[in-house]
Protein backbone atom coordinates (compact mmCIF):
# COMPACT_ATOMS: atom_id res chain seq x y z
CA UNK A 1 0.10 -0.07 0.10
CA UNK A 2 1.52 3.27 -0.86
CA UNK A 3 1.65 6.36 1.22
CA UNK A 4 -0.93 8.37 -0.91
CA UNK A 5 -3.31 5.52 -0.69
CA UNK A 6 -3.26 5.26 3.06
CA UNK A 7 -3.09 8.64 4.31
CA UNK A 8 -6.78 9.05 2.70
CA UNK A 9 -7.45 6.31 5.26
CA UNK A 10 -9.66 8.24 7.99
CA UNK A 11 -11.07 6.55 11.13
CA UNK A 12 -14.72 8.15 12.82
CA UNK A 13 -13.89 10.77 15.55
CA UNK A 14 -15.50 8.50 18.56
CA UNK A 15 -14.82 10.41 20.88
CA UNK A 16 -16.66 13.79 19.66
CA UNK A 17 -19.30 11.04 18.05
CA UNK A 18 -19.79 9.59 21.62
CA UNK A 19 -20.17 13.22 23.54
CA UNK A 20 -22.42 14.42 20.80
CA UNK A 21 -24.46 11.29 21.22
CA UNK A 22 -24.40 11.40 24.82
CA UNK A 23 -25.77 14.91 25.23
CA UNK A 24 -28.40 14.51 22.66
CA UNK A 25 -29.30 11.31 24.75
CA UNK A 26 -29.62 12.88 28.14
CA UNK A 27 -31.15 16.29 26.42
CA UNK A 28 -33.99 14.26 25.15
CA UNK A 29 -34.37 12.20 28.50
CA UNK A 30 -34.69 15.41 30.74
CA UNK A 31 -36.74 16.98 27.71
CA UNK A 32 -39.34 14.11 28.06
CA UNK A 33 -39.32 13.98 31.94
CA UNK A 34 -39.96 17.88 31.64
CA UNK A 35 -42.96 17.11 29.18
CA UNK A 36 -44.34 14.15 31.66
CA UNK A 37 -44.81 16.38 34.26
CA UNK A 38 -46.61 19.13 32.46
CA UNK A 39 -49.32 15.80 31.63
CA UNK A 40 -49.35 14.80 35.32
CA UNK A 41 -46.57 12.11 34.97
CA UNK A 42 -43.09 12.61 36.29
CA UNK A 43 -39.91 13.11 35.60
CA UNK A 44 -39.23 9.35 35.89
CA UNK A 45 -40.97 8.81 32.24
CA UNK A 46 -38.80 10.74 30.56
CA UNK A 47 -35.63 9.16 32.29
CA UNK A 48 -36.26 5.99 31.57
CA UNK A 49 -35.25 6.49 27.91
CA UNK A 50 -32.17 6.31 29.09
CA UNK A 51 -32.53 2.77 30.13
CA UNK A 52 -32.89 2.19 26.49
CA UNK A 53 -30.66 4.65 24.48
CA UNK A 54 -27.23 4.41 26.93
CA UNK A 55 -26.70 0.51 26.34
CA UNK A 56 -27.31 0.61 22.48
CA UNK A 57 -25.45 3.72 22.03
CA UNK A 58 -22.60 2.77 23.92
CA UNK A 59 -22.62 -1.19 21.49
CA UNK A 60 -22.58 1.11 18.57
CA UNK A 61 -19.93 3.17 19.17
CA UNK A 62 -17.79 0.27 20.51
CA UNK A 63 -18.52 -1.63 16.72
CA UNK A 64 -18.02 1.84 14.76
CA UNK A 65 -14.59 2.60 17.28
CA UNK A 66 -13.17 -0.93 16.52
CA UNK A 67 -13.62 -0.87 12.92
CA UNK A 68 -10.15 -0.17 11.11
CA UNK A 69 -9.58 2.75 9.08
CA UNK A 70 -10.77 3.28 5.88
CA UNK A 71 -12.03 5.90 3.01
CA UNK A 72 -13.69 8.66 4.05
CA UNK A 73 -17.07 7.80 1.71
CA UNK A 74 -16.98 4.22 2.80
CA UNK A 75 -18.24 4.96 6.61
CA UNK A 76 -21.93 5.18 5.22
CA UNK A 77 -22.52 1.88 4.92
CA UNK A 78 -21.19 0.79 8.62
CA UNK A 79 -22.52 3.63 9.84
CA UNK A 80 -25.85 2.95 8.45
CA UNK A 81 -25.68 -0.54 9.61
CA UNK A 82 -24.65 0.53 13.11
CA UNK A 83 -27.43 2.58 13.21
CA UNK A 84 -30.44 0.56 12.10
CA UNK A 85 -29.07 -2.17 15.15
CA UNK A 86 -29.04 0.55 17.61
CA UNK A 87 -32.29 1.70 17.09
CA UNK A 88 -34.00 -2.22 17.05
CA UNK A 89 -32.43 -2.27 19.93
CA UNK A 90 -33.32 0.77 21.79
CA UNK A 91 -36.87 -0.06 20.68
CA UNK A 92 -36.84 -3.73 21.72
CA UNK A 93 -35.49 -2.35 25.06
CA UNK A 94 -38.39 0.40 25.28
CA UNK A 95 -40.76 -2.17 24.65
CA UNK A 96 -39.03 -4.27 27.60
CA UNK A 97 -39.33 -1.26 29.51
CA UNK A 98 -43.08 0.01 28.87
CA UNK A 99 -44.19 -3.41 29.78
CA UNK A 100 -41.97 -3.88 33.02
CA UNK A 101 -42.05 -0.32 34.21
CA UNK A 102 -45.08 1.08 32.70
CA UNK A 103 -44.30 4.55 32.19
CA UNK A 104 -46.22 7.19 30.33
CA UNK A 105 -46.92 5.66 26.77
CA UNK A 106 -46.71 8.94 25.31
CA UNK A 107 -43.76 10.27 27.00
CA UNK A 108 -41.45 7.43 26.98
CA UNK A 109 -41.92 6.73 23.23
CA UNK A 110 -41.72 10.51 22.14
CA UNK A 111 -38.54 10.96 23.98
CA UNK A 112 -37.09 7.40 23.00
CA UNK A 113 -38.07 8.38 19.30
CA UNK A 114 -36.67 11.28 19.64
CA UNK A 115 -33.24 10.40 21.09
CA UNK A 116 -33.16 7.83 17.99
CA UNK A 117 -33.80 10.47 15.35
CA UNK A 118 -31.09 12.68 16.84
CA UNK A 119 -28.47 10.04 17.30
CA UNK A 120 -29.40 10.02 13.86
CA UNK A 121 -28.77 13.13 12.61
CA UNK A 122 -25.74 13.47 14.14
CA UNK A 123 -24.11 10.13 13.43
CA UNK A 124 -24.98 11.27 9.41
CA UNK A 125 -23.72 14.60 10.21
CA UNK A 126 -20.22 13.23 11.53
CA UNK A 127 -20.17 11.28 7.89
CA UNK A 128 -20.94 13.98 6.17
CA UNK A 129 -18.05 15.96 7.94
CA UNK A 130 -15.55 13.37 7.08
CA UNK A 131 -16.27 12.75 3.56
CA UNK A 132 -16.38 16.88 3.33
CA UNK A 133 -12.62 17.21 4.74
CA UNK A 134 -11.12 14.79 3.11
CA UNK A 135 -12.35 15.22 -0.27
CA UNK A 136 -10.03 16.67 -3.27
CA UNK A 137 -11.86 19.26 -4.32
CA UNK A 138 -12.34 20.10 -8.11
CA UNK A 139 -8.98 22.40 -9.62
CA UNK A 140 -10.60 26.40 -9.36
CA UNK A 141 -9.98 26.91 -13.37
CA UNK A 142 -11.91 23.59 -14.64
CA UNK A 143 -15.45 23.69 -15.12
CA UNK A 144 -17.75 20.95 -13.04
CA UNK A 145 -19.56 18.30 -15.02
CA UNK A 146 -22.76 18.98 -16.24
CA UNK A 147 -23.04 23.05 -15.61
């Protein structure tokens, strides 16, 4: 393998990604709890979201962190696959929580689905940022194709 091709291999910024994802989960849980208190429930209904999200997020970050470096554009498929598995795992844990701890359905699933959506957006933004940083731009004197 040449230096040129090995220098274009990148790893996901797992530390930044993990911090952003955990912060998003915490904010969704507290927002869900705040909504729960206005609906006659308790803060617990929103905070139970963390029980479903943290194990699934932790596992997904471990898997993504263990993957070898690859081209920036090649991170899209692994991130999509891990995102799907994380979503299924969080929903399975969420259904188990719903049947065992009986939180408010509306508040719990609203905060769980909001957290899943926001985490997915963060992961996609992370991959797009990698692609943008590591893609060579066309020389300024060359016209773009199709223009």
